[in-house]
Amino acid sequence: MYYTYAITGLTLIISLIVNREKTLKAVKIAITKFTKIFPAFLTMLIFVSFILFLFPDEVISNYLGHSSKSISVFLASLFGSITIMPGFIAFPLSGILLTKGVPYMVLSAFTTTLMMVGVITYPIEKEYFGTKVTIIRNIISFFIALSVAAMTGIFFGEIF
């Protein structure tokens, strides 16, 4: 992780040398955007911490980790399908769950369905795309997410 910070700092310095005005403008935009998402990020972090405090590691591992992998993937994909959460919160949450013993395959199912399937956003999608297209898109996205989870399981040696 420190390499990423070092490379970012180095490229920022190079950018300052090349074009100081553009770099300062970009940094100002980044700070503005960060201050806009920080309250949501902090709220979600507190919420996730509270949930992780309420549910012991054994419960999380039992339902999403050490029980049947197919059931774990299915539960994670259902939860991801009905949850609305931005990626900048979902991925750190996945990192926390990974430390709790949840397999990559299950995390893949969760994050992929979270980004691709929208059960809660169905009414809005229906208005723009129509009922048929929305249902077909969500079903196809769900199966693509399950395929991605299976490929992740194969890649990380969690299947076979």
N, C-alpha and C. Protein backbone atom coordinates (compact mmCIF):
# COMPACT_ATOMS: atom_id res chain seq x y z
N MET A 1 0.82 -1.19 0.00
CA MET A 1 0.00 0.00 0.00
C MET A 1 0.87 1.26 0.00
N TYR A 2 2.01 1.18 0.66
CA TYR A 2 2.89 2.35 0.73
C TYR A 2 3.45 2.70 -0.65
N TYR A 3 3.60 1.68 -1.51
CA TYR A 3 4.06 1.94 -2.87
C TYR A 3 3.06 2.80 -3.61
N THR A 4 1.79 2.55 -3.40
CA THR A 4 0.75 3.34 -4.05
C THR A 4 0.83 4.79 -3.61
N TYR A 5 1.02 5.02 -2.32
CA TYR A 5 1.15 6.38 -1.81
C TYR A 5 2.38 7.06 -2.39
N ALA A 6 3.48 6.34 -2.45
CA ALA A 6 4.72 6.90 -2.98
C ALA A 6 4.58 7.26 -4.45
N ILE A 7 3.99 6.36 -5.23
CA ILE A 7 3.79 6.63 -6.66
C ILE A 7 2.84 7.80 -6.86
N THR A 8 1.79 7.86 -6.07
CA THR A 8 0.84 8.98 -6.17
C THR A 8 1.51 10.30 -5.84
N GLY A 9 2.29 10.32 -4.77
CA GLY A 9 3.01 11.53 -4.39
C GLY A 9 4.00 11.96 -5.46
N LEU A 10 4.71 11.00 -6.02
CA LEU A 10 5.68 11.30 -7.07
C LEU A 10 5.01 11.87 -8.32
N THR A 11 3.91 11.24 -8.73
CA THR A 11 3.20 11.75 -9.92
C THR A 11 2.58 13.12 -9.65
N LEU A 12 2.17 13.38 -8.42
CA LEU A 12 1.65 14.70 -8.07
C LEU A 12 2.75 15.75 -8.17
N ILE A 13 3.93 15.43 -7.69
CA ILE A 13 5.06 16.35 -7.78
C ILE A 13 5.43 16.61 -9.24
N ILE A 14 5.47 15.55 -10.04
CA ILE A 14 5.77 15.70 -11.48
C ILE A 14 4.71 16.57 -12.15
N SER A 15 3.46 16.34 -11.80
CA SER A 15 2.37 17.13 -12.37
C SER A 15 2.49 18.60 -11.96
N LEU A 16 2.88 18.85 -10.72
CA LEU A 16 3.08 20.23 -10.27
C LEU A 16 4.19 20.91 -11.08
N ILE A 17 5.24 20.17 -11.38
CA ILE A 17 6.36 20.72 -12.15
C ILE A 17 5.94 21.02 -13.58
N VAL A 18 5.17 20.09 -14.17
CA VAL A 18 4.76 20.24 -15.57
C VAL A 18 3.75 21.37 -15.73
N ASN A 19 2.69 21.37 -14.91
CA ASN A 19 1.66 22.39 -15.04
C ASN A 19 1.05 22.66 -13.66
N ARG A 20 1.55 23.65 -13.01
CA ARG A 20 1.15 23.95 -11.64
C ARG A 20 -0.33 24.33 -11.54
N GLU A 21 -0.82 25.14 -12.48
CA GLU A 21 -2.21 25.61 -12.43
C GLU A 21 -3.21 24.46 -12.55
N LYS A 22 -3.01 23.60 -13.53
CA LYS A 22 -3.91 22.46 -13.73
C LYS A 22 -3.88 21.52 -12.53
N THR A 23 -2.70 21.29 -11.99
CA THR A 23 -2.56 20.39 -10.85
C THR A 23 -3.29 20.93 -9.63
N LEU A 24 -3.11 22.21 -9.34
CA LEU A 24 -3.78 22.82 -8.19
C LEU A 24 -5.30 22.82 -8.39
N LYS A 25 -5.73 23.04 -9.62
CA LYS A 25 -7.17 23.00 -9.92
C LYS A 25 -7.71 21.58 -9.69
N ALA A 26 -6.97 20.57 -10.14
CA ALA A 26 -7.38 19.18 -9.94
C ALA A 26 -7.41 18.80 -8.46
N VAL A 27 -6.42 19.25 -7.70
CA VAL A 27 -6.39 18.97 -6.26
C VAL A 27 -7.57 19.64 -5.57
N LYS A 28 -7.90 20.85 -5.98
CA LYS A 28 -9.04 21.56 -5.40
C LYS A 28 -10.35 20.81 -5.70
N ILE A 29 -10.50 20.30 -6.92
CA ILE A 29 -11.69 19.52 -7.29
C ILE A 29 -11.74 18.23 -6.47
N ALA A 30 -10.59 17.58 -6.31
CA ALA A 30 -10.54 16.33 -5.53
C ALA A 30 -10.93 16.58 -4.08
N ILE A 31 -10.44 17.65 -3.50
CA ILE A 31 -10.78 17.96 -2.11
C ILE A 31 -12.27 18.26 -1.97
N THR A 32 -12.82 18.99 -2.93
CA THR A 32 -14.25 19.30 -2.91
C THR A 32 -15.08 18.02 -2.98
N LYS A 33 -14.72 17.14 -3.90
CA LYS A 33 -15.46 15.87 -4.04
C LYS A 33 -15.31 15.01 -2.79
N PHE A 34 -14.12 14.99 -2.22
CA PHE A 34 -13.89 14.21 -1.01
C PHE A 34 -14.75 14.72 0.14
N THR A 35 -14.82 16.04 0.29
CA THR A 35 -15.64 16.59 1.38
C THR A 35 -17.12 16.31 1.17
N LYS A 36 -17.53 16.13 -0.07
CA LYS A 36 -18.94 15.80 -0.33
C LYS A 36 -19.26 14.34 0.00
N ILE A 37 -18.32 13.42 -0.27
CA ILE A 37 -18.60 12.00 0.00
C ILE A 37 -18.20 11.57 1.40
N PHE A 38 -17.39 12.38 2.09
CA PHE A 38 -16.92 11.98 3.41
C PHE A 38 -18.03 11.73 4.43
N PRO A 39 -19.06 12.59 4.52
CA PRO A 39 -20.13 12.30 5.49
C PRO A 39 -20.83 10.96 5.24
N ALA A 40 -21.11 10.66 3.97
CA ALA A 40 -21.74 9.37 3.65
C ALA A 40 -20.81 8.22 3.97
N PHE A 41 -19.54 8.39 3.66
CA PHE A 41 -18.55 7.35 3.96
C PHE A 41 -18.44 7.12 5.46
N LEU A 42 -18.38 8.19 6.23
CA LEU A 42 -18.26 8.08 7.68
C LEU A 42 -19.51 7.44 8.28
N THR A 43 -20.67 7.84 7.79
CA THR A 43 -21.93 7.26 8.28
C THR A 43 -21.97 5.76 8.01
N MET A 44 -21.63 5.37 6.79
CA MET A 44 -21.65 3.96 6.44
C MET A 44 -20.59 3.19 7.23
N LEU A 45 -19.45 3.78 7.46
CA LEU A 45 -18.40 3.13 8.25
C LEU A 45 -18.87 2.89 9.68
N ILE A 46 -19.55 3.87 10.25
CA ILE A 46 -20.09 3.71 11.60
C ILE A 46 -21.15 2.62 11.61
N PHE A 47 -22.03 2.64 10.60
CA PHE A 47 -23.08 1.63 10.50
C PHE A 47 -22.49 0.23 10.37
N VAL A 48 -21.51 0.07 9.49
CA VAL A 48 -20.88 -1.24 9.29
C VAL A 48 -20.16 -1.68 10.57
N SER A 49 -19.49 -0.76 11.23
CA SER A 49 -18.82 -1.10 12.49
C SER A 49 -19.82 -1.56 13.54
N PHE A 50 -20.97 -0.90 13.61
CA PHE A 50 -22.01 -1.27 14.56
C PHE A 50 -22.55 -2.67 14.25
N ILE A 51 -22.80 -2.94 12.97
CA ILE A 51 -23.30 -4.26 12.57
C ILE A 51 -22.27 -5.34 12.88
N LEU A 52 -21.00 -5.06 12.57
CA LEU A 52 -19.95 -6.04 12.84
C LEU A 52 -19.76 -6.25 14.34
N PHE A 53 -20.06 -5.23 15.14
CA PHE A 53 -19.99 -5.38 16.59
C PHE A 53 -21.12 -6.27 17.09
N LEU A 54 -22.32 -6.10 16.50
CA LEU A 54 -23.48 -6.88 16.95
C LEU A 54 -23.39 -8.35 16.56
N PHE A 55 -22.82 -8.61 15.39
CA PHE A 55 -22.72 -9.99 14.92
C PHE A 55 -21.31 -10.50 15.15
N PRO A 56 -21.16 -11.52 15.97
CA PRO A 56 -19.82 -12.06 16.22
C PRO A 56 -19.20 -12.64 14.93
N ASP A 57 -17.89 -12.75 14.96
CA ASP A 57 -17.17 -13.29 13.80
C ASP A 57 -17.68 -14.66 13.39
N GLU A 58 -18.08 -15.46 14.38
CA GLU A 58 -18.55 -16.82 14.09
C GLU A 58 -19.83 -16.79 13.26
N VAL A 59 -20.71 -15.83 13.53
CA VAL A 59 -21.97 -15.74 12.78
C VAL A 59 -21.68 -15.35 11.33
N ILE A 60 -20.82 -14.34 11.16
CA ILE A 60 -20.46 -13.91 9.81
C ILE A 60 -19.80 -15.06 9.05
N SER A 61 -18.85 -15.71 9.70
CA SER A 61 -18.16 -16.82 9.05
C SER A 61 -19.10 -17.98 8.75
N ASN A 62 -20.05 -18.22 9.62
CA ASN A 62 -20.99 -19.33 9.43
C ASN A 62 -21.88 -19.09 8.21
N TYR A 63 -22.41 -17.90 8.08
CA TYR A 63 -23.34 -17.64 6.98
C TYR A 63 -22.66 -17.27 5.67
N LEU A 64 -21.52 -16.62 5.75
CA LEU A 64 -20.86 -16.18 4.52
C LEU A 64 -19.50 -16.81 4.30
N GLY A 65 -19.05 -17.64 5.22
CA GLY A 65 -17.71 -18.15 5.07
C GLY A 65 -17.58 -19.65 5.05
N HIS A 66 -17.86 -20.31 6.15
CA HIS A 66 -17.50 -21.71 6.29
C HIS A 66 -18.63 -22.69 6.00
N SER A 67 -19.84 -22.21 5.84
CA SER A 67 -20.91 -23.14 5.49
C SER A 67 -20.79 -23.47 4.00
N SER A 68 -21.79 -24.05 3.44
CA SER A 68 -21.77 -24.39 2.02
C SER A 68 -21.47 -23.15 1.18
N LYS A 69 -20.48 -23.25 0.32
CA LYS A 69 -20.08 -22.10 -0.49
C LYS A 69 -21.19 -21.66 -1.43
N SER A 70 -21.96 -22.61 -1.95
CA SER A 70 -23.03 -22.23 -2.87
C SER A 70 -24.11 -21.45 -2.13
N ILE A 71 -24.42 -21.84 -0.90
CA ILE A 71 -25.41 -21.10 -0.11
C ILE A 71 -24.84 -19.73 0.26
N SER A 72 -23.57 -19.67 0.61
CA SER A 72 -22.94 -18.40 0.95
C SER A 72 -22.96 -17.44 -0.23
N VAL A 73 -22.63 -17.94 -1.40
CA VAL A 73 -22.65 -17.11 -2.61
C VAL A 73 -24.06 -16.63 -2.89
N PHE A 74 -25.03 -17.52 -2.76
CA PHE A 74 -26.42 -17.15 -3.02
C PHE A 74 -26.89 -16.09 -2.03
N LEU A 75 -26.58 -16.27 -0.73
CA LEU A 75 -26.98 -15.27 0.27
C LEU A 75 -26.31 -13.92 0.01
N ALA A 76 -25.03 -13.95 -0.31
CA ALA A 76 -24.31 -12.71 -0.58
C ALA A 76 -24.86 -12.01 -1.82
N SER A 77 -25.21 -12.80 -2.84
CA SER A 77 -25.74 -12.19 -4.06
C SER A 77 -27.14 -11.62 -3.83
N LEU A 78 -27.94 -12.27 -3.00
CA LEU A 78 -29.25 -11.72 -2.68
C LEU A 78 -29.11 -10.42 -1.89
N PHE A 79 -28.22 -10.44 -0.89
CA PHE A 79 -28.00 -9.24 -0.10
C PHE A 79 -27.48 -8.10 -0.97
N GLY A 80 -26.55 -8.41 -1.86
CA GLY A 80 -26.01 -7.40 -2.77
C GLY A 80 -27.06 -6.86 -3.73
N SER A 81 -27.99 -7.72 -4.14
CA SER A 81 -29.04 -7.30 -5.08
C SER A 81 -30.03 -6.32 -4.47
N ILE A 82 -30.29 -6.45 -3.19
CA ILE A 82 -31.30 -5.60 -2.57
C ILE A 82 -30.71 -4.43 -1.79
N THR A 83 -29.40 -4.29 -1.81
CA THR A 83 -28.74 -3.23 -1.05
C THR A 83 -28.31 -2.12 -1.99
N ILE A 84 -28.42 -0.90 -1.51
CA ILE A 84 -27.87 0.24 -2.24
C ILE A 84 -26.67 0.74 -1.45
N MET A 85 -25.52 0.70 -2.09
CA MET A 85 -24.30 1.11 -1.41
C MET A 85 -23.29 1.53 -2.48
N PRO A 86 -22.70 2.70 -2.35
CA PRO A 86 -21.70 3.10 -3.35
C PRO A 86 -20.44 2.25 -3.25
N GLY A 87 -19.72 2.17 -4.35
CA GLY A 87 -18.52 1.35 -4.41
C GLY A 87 -17.46 1.74 -3.40
N PHE A 88 -17.33 3.04 -3.12
CA PHE A 88 -16.29 3.47 -2.19
C PHE A 88 -16.59 3.02 -0.77
N ILE A 89 -17.78 2.52 -0.52
CA ILE A 89 -18.11 1.93 0.78
C ILE A 89 -18.11 0.40 0.68
N ALA A 90 -18.59 -0.12 -0.44
CA ALA A 90 -18.70 -1.58 -0.60
C ALA A 90 -17.34 -2.27 -0.59
N PHE A 91 -16.36 -1.67 -1.23
CA PHE A 91 -15.06 -2.34 -1.32
C PHE A 91 -14.31 -2.36 0.01
N PRO A 92 -14.30 -1.27 0.78
CA PRO A 92 -13.71 -1.39 2.12
C PRO A 92 -14.47 -2.38 3.01
N LEU A 93 -15.79 -2.42 2.87
CA LEU A 93 -16.58 -3.40 3.62
C LEU A 93 -16.16 -4.81 3.24
N SER A 94 -15.93 -5.04 1.97
CA SER A 94 -15.46 -6.36 1.53
C SER A 94 -14.10 -6.69 2.13
N GLY A 95 -13.25 -5.69 2.25
CA GLY A 95 -11.95 -5.91 2.89
C GLY A 95 -12.11 -6.32 4.35
N ILE A 96 -13.06 -5.70 5.04
CA ILE A 96 -13.33 -6.06 6.44
C ILE A 96 -13.86 -7.49 6.51
N LEU A 97 -14.79 -7.82 5.62
CA LEU A 97 -15.36 -9.17 5.60
C LEU A 97 -14.30 -10.21 5.26
N LEU A 98 -13.36 -9.84 4.40
CA LEU A 98 -12.28 -10.75 4.04
C LEU A 98 -11.45 -11.10 5.28
N THR A 99 -11.18 -10.12 6.13
CA THR A 99 -10.43 -10.38 7.35
C THR A 99 -11.23 -11.23 8.33
N LYS A 100 -12.55 -11.26 8.17
CA LYS A 100 -13.41 -12.07 9.03
C LYS A 100 -13.53 -13.50 8.51
N GLY A 101 -12.89 -13.81 7.39
CA GLY A 101 -12.87 -15.17 6.88
C GLY A 101 -13.85 -15.44 5.74
N VAL A 102 -14.44 -14.40 5.18
CA VAL A 102 -15.36 -14.61 4.07
C VAL A 102 -14.54 -14.83 2.79
N PRO A 103 -14.84 -15.90 2.03
CA PRO A 103 -14.06 -16.21 0.83
C PRO A 103 -14.20 -15.16 -0.28
N TYR A 104 -13.20 -15.10 -1.13
CA TYR A 104 -13.20 -14.17 -2.26
C TYR A 104 -14.43 -14.37 -3.15
N MET A 105 -14.81 -15.61 -3.35
CA MET A 105 -15.93 -15.93 -4.22
C MET A 105 -17.22 -15.28 -3.69
N VAL A 106 -17.42 -15.33 -2.40
CA VAL A 106 -18.61 -14.75 -1.78
C VAL A 106 -18.55 -13.23 -1.87
N LEU A 107 -17.39 -12.66 -1.63
CA LEU A 107 -17.23 -11.21 -1.74
C LEU A 107 -17.44 -10.74 -3.17
N SER A 108 -17.01 -11.55 -4.11
CA SER A 108 -17.22 -11.24 -5.52
C SER A 108 -18.70 -11.22 -5.86
N ALA A 109 -19.43 -12.20 -5.36
CA ALA A 109 -20.88 -12.25 -5.60
C ALA A 109 -21.56 -11.03 -4.99
N PHE A 110 -21.16 -10.67 -3.78
CA PHE A 110 -21.76 -9.53 -3.10
C PHE A 110 -21.50 -8.23 -3.85
N THR A 111 -20.24 -7.94 -4.15
CA THR A 111 -19.92 -6.66 -4.78
C THR A 111 -20.44 -6.57 -6.21
N THR A 112 -20.40 -7.67 -6.94
CA THR A 112 -20.87 -7.63 -8.32
C THR A 112 -22.37 -7.41 -8.38
N THR A 113 -23.14 -8.12 -7.56
CA THR A 113 -24.58 -7.89 -7.55
C THR A 113 -24.90 -6.50 -7.01
N LEU A 114 -24.11 -6.04 -6.08
CA LEU A 114 -24.32 -4.71 -5.53
C LEU A 114 -24.22 -3.64 -6.62
N MET A 115 -23.27 -3.83 -7.52
CA MET A 115 -23.06 -2.85 -8.59
C MET A 115 -23.97 -3.05 -9.80
N MET A 116 -24.40 -4.29 -10.04
CA MET A 116 -25.10 -4.58 -11.29
C MET A 116 -26.60 -4.81 -11.16
N VAL A 117 -27.06 -5.30 -10.02
CA VAL A 117 -28.46 -5.66 -9.87
C VAL A 117 -29.13 -4.62 -8.98
N GLY A 118 -30.32 -4.18 -9.37
CA GLY A 118 -30.99 -3.14 -8.60
C GLY A 118 -32.42 -3.47 -8.28
N VAL A 119 -32.64 -4.21 -7.22
CA VAL A 119 -34.00 -4.52 -6.81
C VAL A 119 -34.68 -3.26 -6.26
N ILE A 120 -33.95 -2.51 -5.43
CA ILE A 120 -34.52 -1.31 -4.83
C ILE A 120 -34.70 -0.20 -5.86
N THR A 121 -33.84 -0.16 -6.85
CA THR A 121 -33.94 0.88 -7.88
C THR A 121 -34.89 0.49 -9.01
N TYR A 122 -35.57 -0.63 -8.87
CA TYR A 122 -36.50 -1.11 -9.91
C TYR A 122 -37.52 -0.05 -10.33
N PRO A 123 -38.20 0.64 -9.41
CA PRO A 123 -39.21 1.61 -9.85
C PRO A 123 -38.66 2.72 -10.75
N ILE A 124 -37.46 3.18 -10.44
CA ILE A 124 -36.85 4.24 -11.26
C ILE A 124 -36.47 3.69 -12.63
N GLU A 125 -35.83 2.52 -12.62
CA GLU A 125 -35.44 1.90 -13.89
C GLU A 125 -36.65 1.62 -14.77
N LYS A 126 -37.72 1.16 -14.14
CA LYS A 126 -38.94 0.83 -14.88
C LYS A 126 -39.47 2.05 -15.64
N GLU A 127 -39.37 3.22 -15.02
CA GLU A 127 -39.84 4.44 -15.67
C GLU A 127 -39.03 4.77 -16.91
N TYR A 128 -37.73 4.54 -16.85
CA TYR A 128 -36.86 4.91 -17.97
C TYR A 128 -36.76 3.82 -19.04
N PHE A 129 -36.69 2.57 -18.62
CA PHE A 129 -36.46 1.48 -19.57
C PHE A 129 -37.69 0.64 -19.85
N GLY A 130 -38.68 0.70 -19.00
CA GLY A 130 -39.85 -0.17 -19.13
C GLY A 130 -39.68 -1.40 -18.26
N THR A 131 -40.79 -2.04 -17.95
CA THR A 131 -40.78 -3.19 -17.04
C THR A 131 -40.00 -4.36 -17.61
N LYS A 132 -40.27 -4.70 -18.87
CA LYS A 132 -39.64 -5.88 -19.48
C LYS A 132 -38.12 -5.74 -19.52
N VAL A 133 -37.64 -4.62 -20.00
CA VAL A 133 -36.19 -4.41 -20.12
C VAL A 133 -35.54 -4.40 -18.74
N THR A 134 -36.18 -3.78 -17.76
CA THR A 134 -35.63 -3.73 -16.41
C THR A 134 -35.51 -5.12 -15.80
N ILE A 135 -36.54 -5.92 -15.95
CA ILE A 135 -36.51 -7.29 -15.40
C ILE A 135 -35.45 -8.12 -16.11
N ILE A 136 -35.41 -8.03 -17.43
CA ILE A 136 -34.41 -8.80 -18.19
C ILE A 136 -33.00 -8.35 -17.81
N ARG A 137 -32.78 -7.04 -17.70
CA ARG A 137 -31.45 -6.54 -17.35
C ARG A 137 -31.03 -7.04 -15.96
N ASN A 138 -31.93 -7.00 -15.01
CA ASN A 138 -31.60 -7.46 -13.66
C ASN A 138 -31.34 -8.96 -13.60
N ILE A 139 -32.12 -9.74 -14.32
CA ILE A 139 -31.91 -11.20 -14.34
C ILE A 139 -30.57 -11.53 -14.98
N ILE A 140 -30.29 -10.92 -16.14
CA ILE A 140 -29.02 -11.17 -16.82
C ILE A 140 -27.85 -10.72 -15.93
N SER A 141 -27.98 -9.57 -15.31
CA SER A 141 -26.93 -9.07 -14.43
C SER A 141 -26.70 -10.00 -13.24
N PHE A 142 -27.78 -10.57 -12.70
CA PHE A 142 -27.66 -11.50 -11.58
C PHE A 142 -26.86 -12.73 -11.99
N PHE A 143 -27.17 -13.28 -13.16
CA PHE A 143 -26.45 -14.48 -13.61
C PHE A 143 -25.01 -14.16 -14.00
N ILE A 144 -24.78 -12.98 -14.54
CA ILE A 144 -23.40 -12.58 -14.82
C ILE A 144 -22.61 -12.47 -13.51
N ALA A 145 -23.24 -11.91 -12.48
CA ALA A 145 -22.58 -11.80 -11.17
C ALA A 145 -22.26 -13.17 -10.60
N LEU A 146 -23.18 -14.12 -10.75
CA LEU A 146 -22.90 -15.48 -10.28
C LEU A 146 -21.76 -16.11 -11.08
N SER A 147 -21.70 -15.83 -12.37
CA SER A 147 -20.60 -16.33 -13.20
C SER A 147 -19.27 -15.73 -12.77
N VAL A 148 -19.29 -14.44 -12.49
CA VAL A 148 -18.07 -13.77 -12.01
C VAL A 148 -17.63 -14.38 -10.68
N ALA A 149 -18.58 -14.64 -9.81
CA ALA A 149 -18.25 -15.27 -8.52
C ALA A 149 -17.65 -16.66 -8.73
N ALA A 150 -18.21 -17.42 -9.65
CA ALA A 150 -17.68 -18.76 -9.93
C ALA A 150 -16.26 -18.67 -10.50
N MET A 151 -16.03 -17.73 -11.41
CA MET A 151 -14.69 -17.56 -11.97
C MET A 151 -13.70 -17.10 -10.89
N THR A 152 -14.15 -16.25 -9.99
CA THR A 152 -13.31 -15.83 -8.87
C THR A 152 -12.95 -17.02 -8.00
N GLY A 153 -13.95 -17.88 -7.74
CA GLY A 153 -13.71 -19.08 -6.95
C GLY A 153 -12.70 -20.02 -7.59
N ILE A 154 -12.80 -20.15 -8.90
CA ILE A 154 -11.84 -21.00 -9.63
C ILE A 154 -10.45 -20.37 -9.58
N PHE A 155 -10.39 -19.06 -9.82
CA PHE A 155 -9.11 -18.36 -9.85
C PHE A 155 -8.39 -18.43 -8.50
N PHE A 156 -9.14 -18.28 -7.42
CA PHE A 156 -8.53 -18.31 -6.08
C PHE A 156 -8.51 -19.69 -5.45
N GLY A 157 -8.87 -20.70 -6.20
CA GLY A 157 -8.81 -22.07 -5.71
C GLY A 157 -9.86 -22.41 -4.67
N GLU A 158 -10.98 -21.70 -4.69
CA GLU A 158 -12.05 -21.98 -3.74
C GLU A 158 -13.05 -22.99 -4.30
N ILE A 159 -12.98 -23.21 -5.59
CA ILE A 159 -13.80 -24.24 -6.25
C ILE A 159 -12.82 -25.23 -6.87
N PHE A 160 -13.10 -26.46 -6.72
CA PHE A 160 -12.30 -27.58 -7.26
C PHE A 160 -11.03 -27.72 -6.54
